C-alpha atoms as a PDB file:
ATOM      1  CA  UNK A   1      -0.014  -0.314   0.631  1.00  0.00           C
ATOM      2  CA  UNK A   2       1.460   3.453  -0.906  1.00  0.00           C
ATOM      3  CA  UNK A   3       1.649   6.004   1.943  1.00  0.00           C
ATOM      4  CA  UNK A   4       0.387   9.930   1.431  1.00  0.00           C
ATOM      5  CA  UNK A   5       2.409  12.409   2.273  1.00  0.00           C
ATOM      6  CA  UNK A   6       0.810  16.116   3.050  1.00  0.00           C
ATOM      7  CA  UNK A   7       3.601  18.940   2.743  1.00  0.00           C
ATOM      8  CA  UNK A   8       3.737  22.726   2.412  1.00  0.00           C
ATOM      9  CA  UNK A   9       6.005  25.419   3.186  1.00  0.00           C
ATOM     10  CA  UNK A  10       4.549  27.568   6.308  1.00  0.00           C
ATOM     11  CA  UNK A  11       6.978  29.692   8.545  1.00  0.00           C
ATOM     12  CA  UNK A  12       6.139  29.807  12.448  1.00  0.00           C
ATOM     13  CA  UNK A  13       3.421  32.315  12.298  1.00  0.00           C
ATOM     14  CA  UNK A  14       1.093  29.813   9.499  1.00  0.00           C
ATOM     15  CA  UNK A  15       2.322  32.736   6.591  1.00  0.00           C
ATOM     16  CA  UNK A  16       2.795  31.245   3.016  1.00  0.00           C
ATOM     17  CA  UNK A  17       4.679  32.789   0.704  1.00  0.00           C
ATOM     18  CA  UNK A  18       5.719  31.534  -2.190  1.00  0.00           C
ATOM     19  CA  UNK A  19       7.169  34.428  -4.049  1.00  0.00           C
ATOM     20  CA  UNK A  20       9.419  34.722  -1.914  1.00  0.00           C
ATOM     21  CA  UNK A  21      11.052  31.411  -0.540  1.00  0.00           C
ATOM     22  CA  UNK A  22      14.458  30.952  -1.339  1.00  0.00           C
ATOM     23  CA  UNK A  23      15.779  27.381  -0.127  1.00  0.00           C
ATOM     24  CA  UNK A  24      19.231  27.456   1.010  1.00  0.00           C
ATOM     25  CA  UNK A  25      21.755  24.693  -0.478  1.00  0.00           C
ATOM     26  CA  UNK A  26      21.191  22.358   2.046  1.00  0.00           C
ATOM     27  CA  UNK A  27      17.632  23.018   2.334  1.00  0.00           C
ATOM     28  CA  UNK A  28      17.320  22.387  -1.358  1.00  0.00           C
ATOM     29  CA  UNK A  29      18.916  18.940  -1.346  1.00  0.00           C
ATOM     30  CA  UNK A  30      16.619  17.711   1.576  1.00  0.00           C
ATOM     31  CA  UNK A  31      13.442  18.662  -1.139  1.00  0.00           C
ATOM     32  CA  UNK A  32      15.214  17.735  -3.662  1.00  0.00           C
ATOM     33  CA  UNK A  33      16.224  14.146  -1.907  1.00  0.00           C
ATOM     34  CA  UNK A  34      12.509  14.079  -0.994  1.00  0.00           C
ATOM     35  CA  UNK A  35      10.961  13.967  -4.324  1.00  0.00           C
ATOM     36  CA  UNK A  36      13.289  11.386  -5.796  1.00  0.00           C
ATOM     37  CA  UNK A  37      11.411   8.995  -3.726  1.00  0.00           C
ATOM     38  CA  UNK A  38       8.262   9.684  -4.669  1.00  0.00           C
ATOM     39  CA  UNK A  39       6.158   8.232  -7.134  1.00  0.00           C
ATOM     40  CA  UNK A  40       4.069  11.201  -7.962  1.00  0.00           C
ATOM     41  CA  UNK A  41       2.892  14.767  -6.857  1.00  0.00           C
ATOM     42  CA  UNK A  42      -0.670  16.881  -6.692  1.00  0.00           C
ATOM     43  CA  UNK A  43      -0.302  20.089  -6.417  1.00  0.00           C
ATOM     44  CA  UNK A  44      -2.912  23.298  -5.988  1.00  0.00           C
ATOM     45  CA  UNK A  45      -3.391  25.508  -8.892  1.00  0.00           C
ATOM     46  CA  UNK A  46      -0.476  28.843  -7.839  1.00  0.00           C
ATOM     47  CA  UNK A  47       1.732  26.411  -6.436  1.00  0.00           C
ATOM     48  CA  UNK A  48       1.035  24.767 -10.329  1.00  0.00           C
ATOM     49  CA  UNK A  49       0.808  28.695 -12.254  1.00  0.00           C
ATOM     50  CA  UNK A  50       4.352  29.016 -10.030  1.00  0.00           C
ATOM     51  CA  UNK A  51       6.213  26.198 -11.013  1.00  0.00           C
ATOM     52  CA  UNK A  52       4.892  26.144 -14.458  1.00  0.00           C
END
């Protein structure tokens, strides 16, 4: 059975800013490693538009 993981970039005060988020090199490598283990991804409209 597949495992479903929900992830979201959010600050401690609950604010999400997808336009100004720029991870440093170690954090980016962490995200890349996690992405390599995934079978697929589902994005909302706003993130899809940004990544497109």
